[in-house]
């Protein structure tokens, strides 16, 4: 279901590009050509980075909150909790870095 919604959202984002390109006299264009003609790469880059940062942001917030609760309940285990928290935050941040890489590929390709 998620893949369907993502596909539908990305198609809906570029349908106006096709319409504007055809109004400008460019016929028989696909979504990619229409996006390049209208230079929607900046929008696509911002959209990819924005959507790609939502999940890691929420995840890091939850990780920080839960680790603060854990240290509050068991202060003696703070070092172990901190180690696990830092590793988990790094894994969550990697997803945001992937989104940044995709955004940069969209911008420069």
PDB file of N, CA and C in Angstrom:
ATOM      1  N   UNK A   1       0.819  -1.195   0.000  1.00  0.00           N
ATOM      2  CA  UNK A   1       0.000   0.000   0.000  1.00  0.00           C
ATOM      3  C   UNK A   1       0.863   1.260   0.000  1.00  0.00           C
ATOM      4  N   UNK A   2       1.979   1.204   0.766  1.00  0.00           N
ATOM      5  CA  UNK A   2       2.857   2.362   0.825  1.00  0.00           C
ATOM      6  C   UNK A   2       3.487   2.650  -0.528  1.00  0.00           C
ATOM      7  N   UNK A   3       3.908   1.581  -1.220  1.00  0.00           N
ATOM      8  CA  UNK A   3       4.521   1.772  -2.534  1.00  0.00           C
ATOM      9  C   UNK A   3       3.523   2.378  -3.508  1.00  0.00           C
ATOM     10  N   UNK A   4       2.284   1.934  -3.416  1.00  0.00           N
ATOM     11  CA  UNK A   4       1.246   2.478  -4.291  1.00  0.00           C
ATOM     12  C   UNK A   4       1.051   3.965  -4.025  1.00  0.00           C
ATOM     13  N   UNK A   5       0.984   4.351  -2.750  1.00  0.00           N
ATOM     14  CA  UNK A   5       0.783   5.754  -2.416  1.00  0.00           C
ATOM     15  C   UNK A   5       1.978   6.610  -2.824  1.00  0.00           C
ATOM     16  N   UNK A   6       3.200   6.082  -2.671  1.00  0.00           N
ATOM     17  CA  UNK A   6       4.371   6.829  -3.099  1.00  0.00           C
ATOM     18  C   UNK A   6       4.392   7.006  -4.612  1.00  0.00           C
ATOM     19  N   UNK A   7       4.046   5.954  -5.331  1.00  0.00           N
ATOM     20  CA  UNK A   7       4.005   6.056  -6.786  1.00  0.00           C
ATOM     21  C   UNK A   7       2.935   7.046  -7.228  1.00  0.00           C
ATOM     22  N   UNK A   8       1.779   6.968  -6.617  1.00  0.00           N
ATOM     23  CA  UNK A   8       0.700   7.890  -6.957  1.00  0.00           C
ATOM     24  C   UNK A   8       1.086   9.330  -6.642  1.00  0.00           C
ATOM     25  N   UNK A   9       1.748   9.542  -5.514  1.00  0.00           N
ATOM     26  CA  UNK A   9       2.174  10.896  -5.145  1.00  0.00           C
ATOM     27  C   UNK A   9       3.202  11.448  -6.100  1.00  0.00           C
ATOM     28  N   UNK A  10       4.162  10.623  -6.537  1.00  0.00           N
ATOM     29  CA  UNK A  10       5.163  11.136  -7.454  1.00  0.00           C
ATOM     30  C   UNK A  10       4.591  11.404  -8.840  1.00  0.00           C
ATOM     31  N   UNK A  11       3.637  10.598  -9.270  1.00  0.00           N
ATOM     32  CA  UNK A  11       2.995  10.871 -10.555  1.00  0.00           C
ATOM     33  C   UNK A  11       2.182  12.159 -10.468  1.00  0.00           C
ATOM     34  N   UNK A  12       1.460  12.335  -9.367  1.00  0.00           N
ATOM     35  CA  UNK A  12       0.658  13.546  -9.192  1.00  0.00           C
ATOM     36  C   UNK A  12       1.529  14.790  -9.120  1.00  0.00           C
ATOM     37  N   UNK A  13       2.745  14.648  -8.636  1.00  0.00           N
ATOM     38  CA  UNK A  13       3.634  15.810  -8.552  1.00  0.00           C
ATOM     39  C   UNK A  13       4.096  16.263  -9.932  1.00  0.00           C
ATOM     40  N   UNK A  14       4.237  15.323 -10.889  1.00  0.00           N
ATOM     41  CA  UNK A  14       4.765  15.694 -12.194  1.00  0.00           C
ATOM     42  C   UNK A  14       3.702  15.847 -13.280  1.00  0.00           C
ATOM     43  N   UNK A  15       2.452  15.543 -12.995  1.00  0.00           N
ATOM     44  CA  UNK A  15       1.412  15.743 -14.005  1.00  0.00           C
ATOM     45  C   UNK A  15       1.262  17.212 -14.403  1.00  0.00           C
ATOM     46  N   UNK A  16       1.321  18.173 -13.477  1.00  0.00           N
ATOM     47  CA  UNK A  16       1.279  19.569 -13.918  1.00  0.00           C
ATOM     48  C   UNK A  16       2.438  19.931 -14.827  1.00  0.00           C
ATOM     49  N   UNK A  17       3.588  19.295 -14.648  1.00  0.00           N
ATOM     50  CA  UNK A  17       4.730  19.576 -15.505  1.00  0.00           C
ATOM     51  C   UNK A  17       4.433  19.184 -16.948  1.00  0.00           C
ATOM     52  N   UNK A  18       3.786  18.042 -17.129  1.00  0.00           N
ATOM     53  CA  UNK A  18       3.430  17.598 -18.483  1.00  0.00           C
ATOM     54  C   UNK A  18       2.433  18.569 -19.103  1.00  0.00           C
ATOM     55  N   UNK A  19       1.454  19.005 -18.325  1.00  0.00           N
ATOM     56  CA  UNK A  19       0.446  19.930 -18.845  1.00  0.00           C
ATOM     57  C   UNK A  19       1.078  21.263 -19.246  1.00  0.00           C
ATOM     58  N   UNK A  20       1.961  21.795 -18.406  1.00  0.00           N
ATOM     59  CA  UNK A  20       2.606  23.069 -18.724  1.00  0.00           C
ATOM     60  C   UNK A  20       3.526  22.946 -19.924  1.00  0.00           C
ATOM     61  N   UNK A  21       4.210  21.806 -20.047  1.00  0.00           N
ATOM     62  CA  UNK A  21       5.104  21.606 -21.187  1.00  0.00           C
ATOM     63  C   UNK A  21       4.310  21.534 -22.477  1.00  0.00           C
ATOM     64  N   UNK A  22       3.144  20.900 -22.437  1.00  0.00           N
ATOM     65  CA  UNK A  22       2.333  20.822 -23.647  1.00  0.00           C
ATOM     66  C   UNK A  22       1.765  22.184 -24.008  1.00  0.00           C
ATOM     67  N   UNK A  23       1.423  22.992 -23.006  1.00  0.00           N
ATOM     68  CA  UNK A  23       0.950  24.351 -23.293  1.00  0.00           C
ATOM     69  C   UNK A  23       2.054  25.205 -23.893  1.00  0.00           C
ATOM     70  N   UNK A  24       3.281  24.921 -23.517  1.00  0.00           N
ATOM     71  CA  UNK A  24       4.410  25.689 -24.037  1.00  0.00           C
ATOM     72  C   UNK A  24       4.805  25.240 -25.437  1.00  0.00           C
ATOM     73  N   UNK A  25       4.124  24.253 -25.984  1.00  0.00           N
ATOM     74  CA  UNK A  25       4.404  23.813 -27.344  1.00  0.00           C
ATOM     75  C   UNK A  25       5.279  22.579 -27.417  1.00  0.00           C
ATOM     76  N   UNK A  26       5.583  21.995 -26.294  1.00  0.00           N
ATOM     77  CA  UNK A  26       6.389  20.780 -26.282  1.00  0.00           C
ATOM     78  C   UNK A  26       5.422  19.603 -26.226  1.00  0.00           C
ATOM     79  N   UNK A  27       5.362  18.832 -27.287  1.00  0.00           N
ATOM     80  CA  UNK A  27       4.421  17.719 -27.350  1.00  0.00           C
ATOM     81  C   UNK A  27       5.170  16.398 -27.215  1.00  0.00           C
ATOM     82  N   UNK A  28       4.442  15.375 -26.882  1.00  0.00           N
ATOM     83  CA  UNK A  28       4.992  14.026 -26.741  1.00  0.00           C
ATOM     84  C   UNK A  28       6.154  13.987 -25.743  1.00  0.00           C
ATOM     85  N   UNK A  29       5.913  14.554 -24.593  1.00  0.00           N
ATOM     86  CA  UNK A  29       6.950  14.539 -23.563  1.00  0.00           C
ATOM     87  C   UNK A  29       6.558  13.570 -22.466  1.00  0.00           C
ATOM     88  N   UNK A  30       7.556  12.972 -21.892  1.00  0.00           N
ATOM     89  CA  UNK A  30       7.333  12.123 -20.731  1.00  0.00           C
ATOM     90  C   UNK A  30       7.491  12.962 -19.473  1.00  0.00           C
ATOM     91  N   UNK A  31       7.354  12.316 -18.354  1.00  0.00           N
ATOM     92  CA  UNK A  31       7.456  13.034 -17.092  1.00  0.00           C
ATOM     93  C   UNK A  31       8.849  13.600 -16.868  1.00  0.00           C
ATOM     94  N   UNK A  32       9.873  12.842 -17.215  1.00  0.00           N
ATOM     95  CA  UNK A  32      11.245  13.300 -16.984  1.00  0.00           C
ATOM     96  C   UNK A  32      11.580  14.482 -17.880  1.00  0.00           C
ATOM     97  N   UNK A  33      11.193  14.397 -19.155  1.00  0.00           N
ATOM     98  CA  UNK A  33      11.472  15.503 -20.071  1.00  0.00           C
ATOM     99  C   UNK A  33      10.717  16.758 -19.666  1.00  0.00           C
ATOM    100  N   UNK A  34       9.479  16.584 -19.213  1.00  0.00           N
ATOM    101  CA  UNK A  34       8.698  17.732 -18.766  1.00  0.00           C
ATOM    102  C   UNK A  34       9.317  18.360 -17.525  1.00  0.00           C
ATOM    103  N   UNK A  35       9.802  17.538 -16.628  1.00  0.00           N
ATOM    104  CA  UNK A  35      10.440  18.064 -15.422  1.00  0.00           C
ATOM    105  C   UNK A  35      11.707  18.826 -15.768  1.00  0.00           C
ATOM    106  N   UNK A  36      12.471  18.304 -16.734  1.00  0.00           N
ATOM    107  CA  UNK A  36      13.691  19.010 -17.145  1.00  0.00           C
ATOM    108  C   UNK A  36      13.358  20.300 -17.877  1.00  0.00           C
ATOM    109  N   UNK A  37      12.305  20.274 -18.697  1.00  0.00           N
ATOM    110  CA  UNK A  37      11.927  21.482 -19.439  1.00  0.00           C
ATOM    111  C   UNK A  37      11.476  22.591 -18.500  1.00  0.00           C
ATOM    112  N   UNK A  38      10.779  22.235 -17.462  1.00  0.00           N
ATOM    113  CA  UNK A  38      10.298  23.237 -16.517  1.00  0.00           C
ATOM    114  C   UNK A  38      11.245  23.435 -15.348  1.00  0.00           C
ATOM    115  N   UNK A  39      12.346  22.716 -15.341  1.00  0.00           N
ATOM    116  CA  UNK A  39      13.342  22.786 -14.284  1.00  0.00           C
ATOM    117  C   UNK A  39      12.707  22.557 -12.921  1.00  0.00           C
ATOM    118  N   UNK A  40      11.988  21.452 -12.828  1.00  0.00           N
ATOM    119  CA  UNK A  40      11.372  21.076 -11.556  1.00  0.00           C
ATOM    120  C   UNK A  40      12.331  20.295 -10.677  1.00  0.00           C
ATOM    121  N   UNK A  41      13.591  20.263 -11.085  1.00  0.00           N
ATOM    122  CA  UNK A  41      14.555  19.520 -10.287  1.00  0.00           C
ATOM    123  C   UNK A  41      14.717  20.120  -8.897  1.00  0.00           C
ATOM    124  N   UNK A  42      14.641  21.455  -8.805  1.00  0.00           N
ATOM    125  CA  UNK A  42      14.769  22.075  -7.485  1.00  0.00           C
ATOM    126  C   UNK A  42      13.614  21.671  -6.580  1.00  0.00           C
ATOM    127  N   UNK A  43      12.413  21.637  -7.141  1.00  0.00           N
ATOM    128  CA  UNK A  43      11.256  21.197  -6.356  1.00  0.00           C
ATOM    129  C   UNK A  43      11.404  19.740  -5.961  1.00  0.00           C
ATOM    130  N   UNK A  44      11.828  18.909  -6.901  1.00  0.00           N
ATOM    131  CA  UNK A  44      11.986  17.477  -6.614  1.00  0.00           C
ATOM    132  C   UNK A  44      13.063  17.258  -5.561  1.00  0.00           C
ATOM    133  N   UNK A  45      14.134  18.059  -5.635  1.00  0.00           N
ATOM    134  CA  UNK A  45      15.201  17.928  -4.647  1.00  0.00           C
ATOM    135  C   UNK A  45      14.688  18.305  -3.256  1.00  0.00           C
ATOM    136  N   UNK A  46      13.969  19.402  -3.166  1.00  0.00           N
ATOM    137  CA  UNK A  46      13.432  19.838  -1.874  1.00  0.00           C
ATOM    138  C   UNK A  46      12.409  18.839  -1.348  1.00  0.00           C
ATOM    139  N   UNK A  47      11.594  18.308  -2.231  1.00  0.00           N
ATOM    140  CA  UNK A  47      10.581  17.330  -1.829  1.00  0.00           C
ATOM    141  C   UNK A  47      11.235  16.052  -1.312  1.00  0.00           C
ATOM    142  N   UNK A  48      12.257  15.570  -2.027  1.00  0.00           N
ATOM    143  CA  UNK A  48      12.951  14.342  -1.610  1.00  0.00           C
ATOM    144  C   UNK A  48      13.630  14.535  -0.261  1.00  0.00           C
ATOM    145  N   UNK A  49      14.256  15.681  -0.071  1.00  0.00           N
ATOM    146  CA  UNK A  49      14.945  15.916   1.194  1.00  0.00           C
ATOM    147  C   UNK A  49      13.945  16.125   2.322  1.00  0.00           C
ATOM    148  N   UNK A  50      12.862  16.827   2.048  1.00  0.00           N
ATOM    149  CA  UNK A  50      11.853  17.062   3.084  1.00  0.00           C
ATOM    150  C   UNK A  50      11.179  15.789   3.538  1.00  0.00           C
ATOM    151  N   UNK A  51      10.759  14.985   2.592  1.00  0.00           N
ATOM    152  CA  UNK A  51      10.095  13.721   2.941  1.00  0.00           C
ATOM    153  C   UNK A  51      11.100  12.751   3.560  1.00  0.00           C
ATOM    154  N   UNK A  52      12.325  12.773   3.058  1.00  0.00           N
ATOM    155  CA  UNK A  52      13.340  11.867   3.579  1.00  0.00           C
ATOM    156  C   UNK A  52      13.833  12.224   4.964  1.00  0.00           C
ATOM    157  N   UNK A  53      13.595  13.433   5.417  1.00  0.00           N
ATOM    158  CA  UNK A  53      14.053  13.842   6.750  1.00  0.00           C
ATOM    159  C   UNK A  53      12.964  13.697   7.807  1.00  0.00           C
ATOM    160  N   UNK A  54      11.731  13.472   7.394  1.00  0.00           N
ATOM    161  CA  UNK A  54      10.641  13.362   8.369  1.00  0.00           C
ATOM    162  C   UNK A  54      10.821  12.118   9.245  1.00  0.00           C
ATOM    163  N   UNK A  55      11.027  10.979   8.636  1.00  0.00           N
ATOM    164  CA  UNK A  55      11.162   9.735   9.386  1.00  0.00           C
ATOM    165  C   UNK A  55      12.331   9.731  10.354  1.00  0.00           C
ATOM    166  N   UNK A  56      13.537  10.068   9.886  1.00  0.00           N
ATOM    167  CA  UNK A  56      14.656  10.111  10.819  1.00  0.00           C
ATOM    168  C   UNK A  56      14.472  11.147  11.931  1.00  0.00           C
ATOM    169  N   UNK A  57      13.856  12.263  11.626  1.00  0.00           N
ATOM    170  CA  UNK A  57      13.617  13.266  12.661  1.00  0.00           C
ATOM    171  C   UNK A  57      12.706  12.747  13.763  1.00  0.00           C
ATOM    172  N   UNK A  58      11.631  12.096  13.356  1.00  0.00           N
ATOM    173  CA  UNK A  58      10.710  11.504  14.340  1.00  0.00           C
ATOM    174  C   UNK A  58      11.414  10.389  15.107  1.00  0.00           C
ATOM    175  N   UNK A  59      12.155   9.558  14.389  1.00  0.00           N
ATOM    176  CA  UNK A  59      12.858   8.450  15.035  1.00  0.00           C
ATOM    177  C   UNK A  59      13.891   8.914  16.052  1.00  0.00           C
ATOM    178  N   UNK A  60      14.660   9.929  15.699  1.00  0.00           N
ATOM    179  CA  UNK A  60      15.673  10.431  16.622  1.00  0.00           C
ATOM    180  C   UNK A  60      15.018  11.056  17.847  1.00  0.00           C
ATOM    181  N   UNK A  61      13.893  11.726  17.655  1.00  0.00           N
ATOM    182  CA  UNK A  61      13.168  12.278  18.793  1.00  0.00           C
ATOM    183  C   UNK A  61      12.678  11.198  19.739  1.00  0.00           C
ATOM    184  N   UNK A  62      12.147  10.132  19.181  1.00  0.00           N
ATOM    185  CA  UNK A  62      11.678   9.021  20.014  1.00  0.00           C
ATOM    186  C   UNK A  62      12.853   8.362  20.735  1.00  0.00           C
ATOM    187  N   UNK A  63      13.955   8.168  20.021  1.00  0.00           N
ATOM    188  CA  UNK A  63      15.136   7.557  20.631  1.00  0.00           C
ATOM    189  C   UNK A  63      15.641   8.402  21.801  1.00  0.00           C
ATOM    190  N   UNK A  64      15.724   9.707  21.599  1.00  0.00           N
ATOM    191  CA  UNK A  64      16.193  10.586  22.669  1.00  0.00           C
ATOM    192  C   UNK A  64      15.267  10.570  23.875  1.00  0.00           C
ATOM    193  N   UNK A  65      13.972  10.602  23.637  1.00  0.00           N
ATOM    194  CA  UNK A  65      13.011  10.586  24.732  1.00  0.00           C
ATOM    195  C   UNK A  65      13.050   9.292  25.522  1.00  0.00           C
ATOM    196  N   UNK A  66      13.083   8.189  24.808  1.00  0.00           N
ATOM    197  CA  UNK A  66      13.098   6.894  25.488  1.00  0.00           C
ATOM    198  C   UNK A  66      14.413   6.663  26.239  1.00  0.00           C
ATOM    199  N   UNK A  67      15.523   7.127  25.685  1.00  0.00           N
ATOM    200  CA  UNK A  67      16.788   6.961  26.397  1.00  0.00           C
ATOM    201  C   UNK A  67      16.834   7.844  27.637  1.00  0.00           C
ATOM    202  N   UNK A  68      16.256   9.040  27.586  1.00  0.00           N
ATOM    203  CA  UNK A  68      16.188   9.887  28.783  1.00  0.00           C
ATOM    204  C   UNK A  68      15.330   9.224  29.854  1.00  0.00           C
ATOM    205  N   UNK A  69      14.217   8.604  29.455  1.00  0.00           N
ATOM    206  CA  UNK A  69      13.391   7.869  30.416  1.00  0.00           C
ATOM    207  C   UNK A  69      14.166   6.701  31.034  1.00  0.00           C
ATOM    208  N   UNK A  70      14.910   5.984  30.185  1.00  0.00           N
ATOM    209  CA  UNK A  70      15.660   4.828  30.674  1.00  0.00           C
ATOM    210  C   UNK A  70      16.744   5.242  31.659  1.00  0.00           C
ATOM    211  N   UNK A  71      17.439   6.330  31.373  1.00  0.00           N
ATOM    212  CA  UNK A  71      18.472   6.806  32.298  1.00  0.00           C
ATOM    213  C   UNK A  71      17.829   7.305  33.582  1.00  0.00           C
ATOM    214  N   UNK A  72      16.674   7.930  33.482  1.00  0.00           N
ATOM    215  CA  UNK A  72      15.970   8.382  34.674  1.00  0.00           C
ATOM    216  C   UNK A  72      15.534   7.230  35.561  1.00  0.00           C
ATOM    217  N   UNK A  73      15.168   6.113  34.967  1.00  0.00           N
ATOM    218  CA  UNK A  73      14.737   4.949  35.748  1.00  0.00           C
ATOM    219  C   UNK A  73      15.913   4.156  36.313  1.00  0.00           C
ATOM    220  N   UNK A  74      17.006   4.127  35.562  1.00  0.00           N
ATOM    221  CA  UNK A  74      18.159   3.329  35.981  1.00  0.00           C
ATOM    222  C   UNK A  74      19.448   4.105  35.702  1.00  0.00           C
ATOM    223  N   UNK A  75      19.820   5.033  36.573  1.00  0.00           N
ATOM    224  CA  UNK A  75      20.997   5.874  36.317  1.00  0.00           C
ATOM    225  C   UNK A  75      22.316   5.090  36.245  1.00  0.00           C
ATOM    226  N   UNK A  76      22.374   3.933  36.882  1.00  0.00           N
ATOM    227  CA  UNK A  76      23.612   3.151  36.850  1.00  0.00           C
ATOM    228  C   UNK A  76      23.922   2.616  35.455  1.00  0.00           C
ATOM    229  N   UNK A  77      22.910   2.439  34.632  1.00  0.00           N
ATOM    230  CA  UNK A  77      23.101   1.894  33.286  1.00  0.00           C
ATOM    231  C   UNK A  77      23.232   2.985  32.229  1.00  0.00           C
ATOM    232  N   UNK A  78      23.544   4.209  32.644  1.00  0.00           N
ATOM    233  CA  UNK A  78      23.594   5.340  31.705  1.00  0.00           C
ATOM    234  C   UNK A  78      24.617   5.125  30.593  1.00  0.00           C
ATOM    235  N   UNK A  79      25.774   4.553  30.914  1.00  0.00           N
ATOM    236  CA  UNK A  79      26.806   4.360  29.891  1.00  0.00           C
ATOM    237  C   UNK A  79      26.344   3.379  28.809  1.00  0.00           C
ATOM    238  N   UNK A  80      25.723   2.275  29.217  1.00  0.00           N
ATOM    239  CA  UNK A  80      25.231   1.296  28.240  1.00  0.00           C
ATOM    240  C   UNK A  80      24.094   1.874  27.407  1.00  0.00           C
ATOM    241  N   UNK A  81      23.211   2.607  28.069  1.00  0.00           N
ATOM    242  CA  UNK A  81      22.081   3.215  27.349  1.00  0.00           C
ATOM    243  C   UNK A  81      22.589   4.242  26.348  1.00  0.00           C
ATOM    244  N   UNK A  82      23.591   5.029  26.751  1.00  0.00           N
ATOM    245  CA  UNK A  82      24.129   6.047  25.854  1.00  0.00           C
ATOM    246  C   UNK A  82      24.784   5.412  24.627  1.00  0.00           C
ATOM    247  N   UNK A  83      25.496   4.315  24.823  1.00  0.00           N
ATOM    248  CA  UNK A  83      26.140   3.631  23.693  1.00  0.00           C
ATOM    249  C   UNK A  83      25.103   3.137  22.687  1.00  0.00           C
ATOM    250  N   UNK A  84      24.077   2.485  23.191  1.00  0.00           N
ATOM    251  CA  UNK A  84      23.015   1.979  22.309  1.00  0.00           C
ATOM    252  C   UNK A  84      22.290   3.137  21.630  1.00  0.00           C
ATOM    253  N   UNK A  85      22.050   4.225  22.365  1.00  0.00           N
ATOM    254  CA  UNK A  85      21.356   5.382  21.806  1.00  0.00           C
ATOM    255  C   UNK A  85      22.155   6.002  20.661  1.00  0.00           C
ATOM    256  N   UNK A  86      23.447   6.158  20.855  1.00  0.00           N
ATOM    257  CA  UNK A  86      24.279   6.782  19.818  1.00  0.00           C
ATOM    258  C   UNK A  86      24.305   5.913  18.561  1.00  0.00           C
ATOM    259  N   UNK A  87      24.412   4.597  18.724  1.00  0.00           N
ATOM    260  CA  UNK A  87      24.386   3.712  17.561  1.00  0.00           C
ATOM    261  C   UNK A  87      23.054   3.792  16.827  1.00  0.00           C
ATOM    262  N   UNK A  88      21.971   3.810  17.577  1.00  0.00           N
ATOM    263  CA  UNK A  88      20.647   3.854  16.958  1.00  0.00           C
ATOM    264  C   UNK A  88      20.417   5.181  16.246  1.00  0.00           C
ATOM    265  N   UNK A  89      20.863   6.270  16.841  1.00  0.00           N
ATOM    266  CA  UNK A  89      20.735   7.579  16.189  1.00  0.00           C
ATOM    267  C   UNK A  89      21.549   7.605  14.895  1.00  0.00           C
ATOM    268  N   UNK A  90      22.727   6.982  14.903  1.00  0.00           N
ATOM    269  CA  UNK A  90      23.546   6.937  13.683  1.00  0.00           C
ATOM    270  C   UNK A  90      22.838   6.175  12.570  1.00  0.00           C
ATOM    271  N   UNK A  91      22.182   5.068  12.927  1.00  0.00           N
ATOM    272  CA  UNK A  91      21.446   4.312  11.903  1.00  0.00           C
ATOM    273  C   UNK A  91      20.254   5.108  11.375  1.00  0.00           C
ATOM    274  N   UNK A  92      19.574   5.814  12.255  1.00  0.00           N
ATOM    275  CA  UNK A  92      18.439   6.632  11.813  1.00  0.00           C
ATOM    276  C   UNK A  92      18.921   7.783  10.935  1.00  0.00           C
ATOM    277  N   UNK A  93      20.050   8.356  11.287  1.00  0.00           N
ATOM    278  CA  UNK A  93      20.590   9.473  10.506  1.00  0.00           C
ATOM    279  C   UNK A  93      21.050   9.020   9.128  1.00  0.00           C
ATOM    280  N   UNK A  94      21.435   7.756   8.998  1.00  0.00           N
ATOM    281  CA  UNK A  94      21.861   7.231   7.698  1.00  0.00           C
ATOM    282  C   UNK A  94      20.729   7.309   6.683  1.00  0.00           C
ATOM    283  N   UNK A  95      19.500   7.137   7.134  1.00  0.00           N
ATOM    284  CA  UNK A  95      18.353   7.240   6.225  1.00  0.00           C
ATOM    285  C   UNK A  95      18.240   8.661   5.684  1.00  0.00           C
ATOM    286  N   UNK A  96      18.463   9.652   6.529  1.00  0.00           N
ATOM    287  CA  UNK A  96      18.427  11.041   6.077  1.00  0.00           C
ATOM    288  C   UNK A  96      19.573  11.323   5.107  1.00  0.00           C
ATOM    289  N   UNK A  97      20.698  10.697   5.319  1.00  0.00           N
ATOM    290  CA  UNK A  97      21.824  10.886   4.394  1.00  0.00           C
ATOM    291  C   UNK A  97      21.500  10.266   3.033  1.00  0.00           C
ATOM    292  N   UNK A  98      20.812   9.132   3.034  1.00  0.00           N
ATOM    293  CA  UNK A  98      20.370   8.552   1.763  1.00  0.00           C
ATOM    294  C   UNK A  98      19.433   9.512   1.031  1.00  0.00           C
ATOM    295  N   UNK A  99      18.541  10.154   1.770  1.00  0.00           N
ATOM    296  CA  UNK A  99      17.637  11.128   1.159  1.00  0.00           C
ATOM    297  C   UNK A  99      18.430  12.297   0.586  1.00  0.00           C
ATOM    298  N   UNK A 100      19.465  12.725   1.275  1.00  0.00           N
ATOM    299  CA  UNK A 100      20.314  13.806   0.769  1.00  0.00           C
ATOM    300  C   UNK A 100      21.021  13.388  -0.512  1.00  0.00           C
ATOM    301  N   UNK A 101      21.498  12.161  -0.572  1.00  0.00           N
ATOM    302  CA  UNK A 101      22.167  11.669  -1.776  1.00  0.00           C
ATOM    303  C   UNK A 101      21.196  11.634  -2.951  1.00  0.00           C
ATOM    304  N   UNK A 102      19.984  11.157  -2.704  1.00  0.00           N
ATOM    305  CA  UNK A 102      18.961  11.137  -3.764  1.00  0.00           C
ATOM    306  C   UNK A 102      18.649  12.560  -4.220  1.00  0.00           C
ATOM    307  N   UNK A 103      18.526  13.486  -3.286  1.00  0.00           N
ATOM    308  CA  UNK A 103      18.243  14.882  -3.636  1.00  0.00           C
ATOM    309  C   UNK A 103      19.366  15.470  -4.482  1.00  0.00           C
ATOM    310  N   UNK A 104      20.606  15.177  -4.136  1.00  0.00           N
ATOM    311  CA  UNK A 104      21.726  15.694  -4.919  1.00  0.00           C
ATOM    312  C   UNK A 104      21.800  15.047  -6.304  1.00  0.00           C
ATOM    313  N   UNK A 105      21.452  13.775  -6.398  1.00  0.00           N
ATOM    314  CA  UNK A 105      21.416  13.123  -7.704  1.00  0.00           C
ATOM    315  C   UNK A 105      20.346  13.776  -8.575  1.00  0.00           C
ATOM    316  N   UNK A 106      19.183  14.066  -7.992  1.00  0.00           N
ATOM    317  CA  UNK A 106      18.118  14.727  -8.746  1.00  0.00           C
ATOM    318  C   UNK A 106      18.581  16.110  -9.203  1.00  0.00           C
ATOM    319  N   UNK A 107      19.297  16.804  -8.356  1.00  0.00           N
ATOM    320  CA  UNK A 107      19.741  18.166  -8.684  1.00  0.00           C
ATOM    321  C   UNK A 107      20.750  18.183  -9.829  1.00  0.00           C
ATOM    322  N   UNK A 108      21.703  17.266  -9.811  1.00  0.00           N
ATOM    323  CA  UNK A 108      22.816  17.378 -10.755  1.00  0.00           C
ATOM    324  C   UNK A 108      22.776  16.400 -11.915  1.00  0.00           C
ATOM    325  N   UNK A 109      21.742  15.565 -12.012  1.00  0.00           N
ATOM    326  CA  UNK A 109      21.686  14.619 -13.135  1.00  0.00           C
ATOM    327  C   UNK A 109      20.613  15.012 -14.102  1.00  0.00           C
TER     328      UNK A 109
END
